[in-house]
Structure formats: structure tokens, C-alpha cells
Amino acid sequence: MEENQTAESKYIQQHLANERTYLAWVRTSIAIIGIGFLASSLHFNNIKSVSQLADTIAVFVSIFSLLIGLTILLLATVHYFSVRRNINSQTFVSANNLIKVSTGIIFLIFLLLGLYLITILF
């Protein structure tokens, strides 16, 4: 019985945690893409007269959010397989850079949304 176990079965809980983390990154990616579509949808469907700058910012937020969401999805997938390999080889290292970059990007998206709101209000 002991011979039939794989290397992964020794670390079941770690692999399940890795999968949950990956799914959280997927949800984050979808949310970021959704913010971009929401911004452009609300702008072009509900606001009648705005400046060219507001139009440009709305389009930029939408495209930027889509690209960032897809990038986070790609990086999360690469990170998942890297962590999976590291768990099996017992060389796990936490992901500081992925967290810092994602936080900075999300902060930038919110700054752009704030700039957009300022341009349509004034």
C-alpha cells in the first residue's frame, strides 16, 4: 500500500491550499476584468455629455483592466504549477512579488477610476 502512494499524496493539504489560492487569483482576475467592463459600460450607456478626456479614460480603464486581468490569470497559473513542483520537492517559497505587483496594479486601476470620476463631475 505504501508503495502505491505518489509524492503528491504526502502533501495533500498543501496541494489543496495551492488550488484554493489559485482559484482566489482566478476570482481576482475576473473581478479586475469586470471593473473595466463596468467602467466603460456605465460611461458609454448612462452618461450623455462628457469630455473627450473622460471618454479616453473610460476606454483606457477598460482595456487596462482586461490586460491586467489576463496577465494576473497567466501569472497565477504559472505560479500554481511552480508551487506544486516546490511542494513536492519540499522547496516552497512564498510569493512576495506577485502580491506586491498585484496590489500596485489594483491601486493604479482605482486611481484611474478616481481620475475618471473627477473628470465627469467637474
Protein backbone atom coordinates (compact mmCIF):
# COMPACT_ATOMS: atom_id res chain seq x y z
CA MET A 1 0.00 0.00 0.00
CA GLU A 2 2.79 2.40 0.88
CA GLU A 3 4.44 1.79 -2.49
CA ASN A 4 1.39 2.99 -4.44
CA GLN A 5 1.40 6.46 -2.91
CA THR A 6 2.62 9.27 -5.12
CA ALA A 7 4.80 12.14 -4.00
CA GLU A 8 1.77 14.41 -4.11
CA SER A 9 -0.24 12.28 -1.69
CA LYS A 10 2.24 13.10 1.07
CA TYR A 11 1.27 16.77 0.85
CA ILE A 12 -2.46 16.64 0.15
CA GLN A 13 -3.37 19.60 2.34
CA GLN A 14 -0.66 21.78 0.83
CA HIS A 15 -1.83 20.93 -2.69
CA LEU A 16 -5.45 21.67 -1.78
CA ALA A 17 -4.38 25.02 -0.31
CA ASN A 18 -2.44 25.74 -3.50
CA GLU A 19 -5.56 25.03 -5.55
CA ARG A 20 -7.68 27.31 -3.34
CA THR A 21 -5.09 30.06 -3.74
CA TYR A 22 -5.13 29.61 -7.50
CA LEU A 23 -8.92 29.85 -7.57
CA ALA A 24 -8.74 33.04 -5.48
CA TRP A 25 -6.38 34.53 -8.08
CA VAL A 26 -8.80 33.49 -10.83
CA ARG A 27 -11.63 35.30 -9.00
CA THR A 28 -9.39 38.34 -8.59
CA SER A 29 -8.62 38.30 -12.30
CA ILE A 30 -12.31 38.09 -13.18
CA ALA A 31 -13.11 40.93 -10.78
CA ILE A 32 -10.45 43.19 -12.31
CA ILE A 33 -11.76 42.50 -15.81
CA GLY A 34 -15.29 43.16 -14.53
CA ILE A 35 -14.26 46.54 -13.12
CA GLY A 36 -13.01 47.57 -16.55
CA PHE A 37 -16.17 46.49 -18.33
CA LEU A 38 -18.31 48.13 -15.66
CA ALA A 39 -16.47 51.42 -16.02
CA SER A 40 -16.83 51.56 -19.78
CA SER A 41 -20.39 50.24 -19.75
CA LEU A 42 -21.57 52.79 -17.21
CA HIS A 43 -19.76 55.55 -19.02
CA PHE A 44 -20.98 54.94 -22.53
CA ASN A 45 -24.52 53.79 -21.65
CA ASN A 46 -25.52 56.23 -18.92
CA ILE A 47 -23.66 59.49 -19.40
CA LYS A 48 -24.85 61.67 -22.25
CA SER A 49 -22.37 64.53 -22.49
CA VAL A 50 -18.83 64.26 -21.21
CA SER A 51 -15.44 65.42 -22.30
CA GLN A 52 -13.11 63.66 -24.67
CA LEU A 53 -10.76 63.13 -21.72
CA ALA A 54 -13.45 61.19 -19.83
CA ASP A 55 -14.12 59.05 -22.91
CA THR A 56 -10.42 58.30 -23.25
CA ILE A 57 -10.02 57.43 -19.57
CA ALA A 58 -13.06 55.12 -19.67
CA VAL A 59 -11.67 53.25 -22.67
CA PHE A 60 -8.19 53.12 -21.13
CA VAL A 61 -9.52 51.75 -17.82
CA SER A 62 -11.44 49.08 -19.70
CA ILE A 63 -8.51 47.95 -21.86
CA PHE A 64 -6.01 48.22 -18.98
CA SER A 65 -8.24 46.15 -16.70
CA LEU A 66 -8.67 43.49 -19.35
CA LEU A 67 -4.93 43.22 -19.98
CA ILE A 68 -4.10 43.21 -16.27
CA GLY A 69 -6.79 40.63 -15.50
CA LEU A 70 -5.48 38.32 -18.22
CA THR A 71 -1.90 38.86 -17.05
CA ILE A 72 -2.81 38.01 -13.47
CA LEU A 73 -4.58 34.88 -14.68
CA LEU A 74 -1.48 33.83 -16.63
CA LEU A 75 0.88 34.58 -13.72
CA ALA A 76 -1.41 32.76 -11.29
CA THR A 77 -1.38 29.67 -13.50
CA VAL A 78 2.41 29.73 -13.79
CA HIS A 79 2.69 30.29 -10.03
CA TYR A 80 0.30 27.40 -9.29
CA PHE A 81 2.45 24.92 -11.19
CA SER A 82 5.63 26.34 -9.68
CA VAL A 83 4.26 25.99 -6.14
CA ARG A 84 3.02 22.49 -6.96
CA ARG A 85 6.50 21.46 -8.03
CA ASN A 86 8.07 23.17 -5.00
CA ILE A 87 5.68 21.46 -2.57
CA ASN A 88 6.63 18.06 -3.96
CA SER A 89 10.34 18.84 -3.77
CA GLN A 90 9.94 20.49 -0.33
CA THR A 91 11.46 23.77 -1.51
CA PHE A 92 8.43 26.06 -1.11
CA VAL A 93 8.99 29.83 -1.15
CA SER A 94 6.13 32.27 -0.62
CA ALA A 95 5.07 34.72 -3.34
CA ASN A 96 6.01 38.22 -2.21
CA ASN A 97 6.48 39.74 -5.67
CA LEU A 98 3.15 38.55 -7.08
CA ILE A 99 1.33 40.10 -4.12
CA LYS A 100 3.19 43.42 -4.38
CA VAL A 101 2.69 43.75 -8.14
CA SER A 102 -1.00 42.85 -7.96
CA THR A 103 -1.61 45.32 -5.16
CA GLY A 104 0.14 48.09 -7.08
CA ILE A 105 -1.85 47.37 -10.24
CA ILE A 106 -5.18 47.30 -8.42
CA PHE A 107 -4.25 50.58 -6.72
CA LEU A 108 -3.47 52.08 -10.14
CA ILE A 109 -6.85 50.96 -11.50
CA PHE A 110 -8.62 52.66 -8.60
CA LEU A 111 -6.59 55.83 -9.18
CA LEU A 112 -7.68 55.80 -12.82
CA LEU A 113 -11.29 55.31 -11.76
CA GLY A 114 -10.92 58.24 -9.36
CA LEU A 115 -9.47 60.41 -12.14
CA TYR A 116 -12.38 59.37 -14.34
CA LEU A 117 -14.91 60.38 -11.67
CA ILE A 118 -13.21 63.75 -11.23
CA THR A 119 -13.34 64.41 -14.98
CA ILE A 120 -17.07 63.65 -15.26
CA LEU A 121 -18.04 65.61 -12.16
CA PHE A 122 -16.13 68.81 -12.96
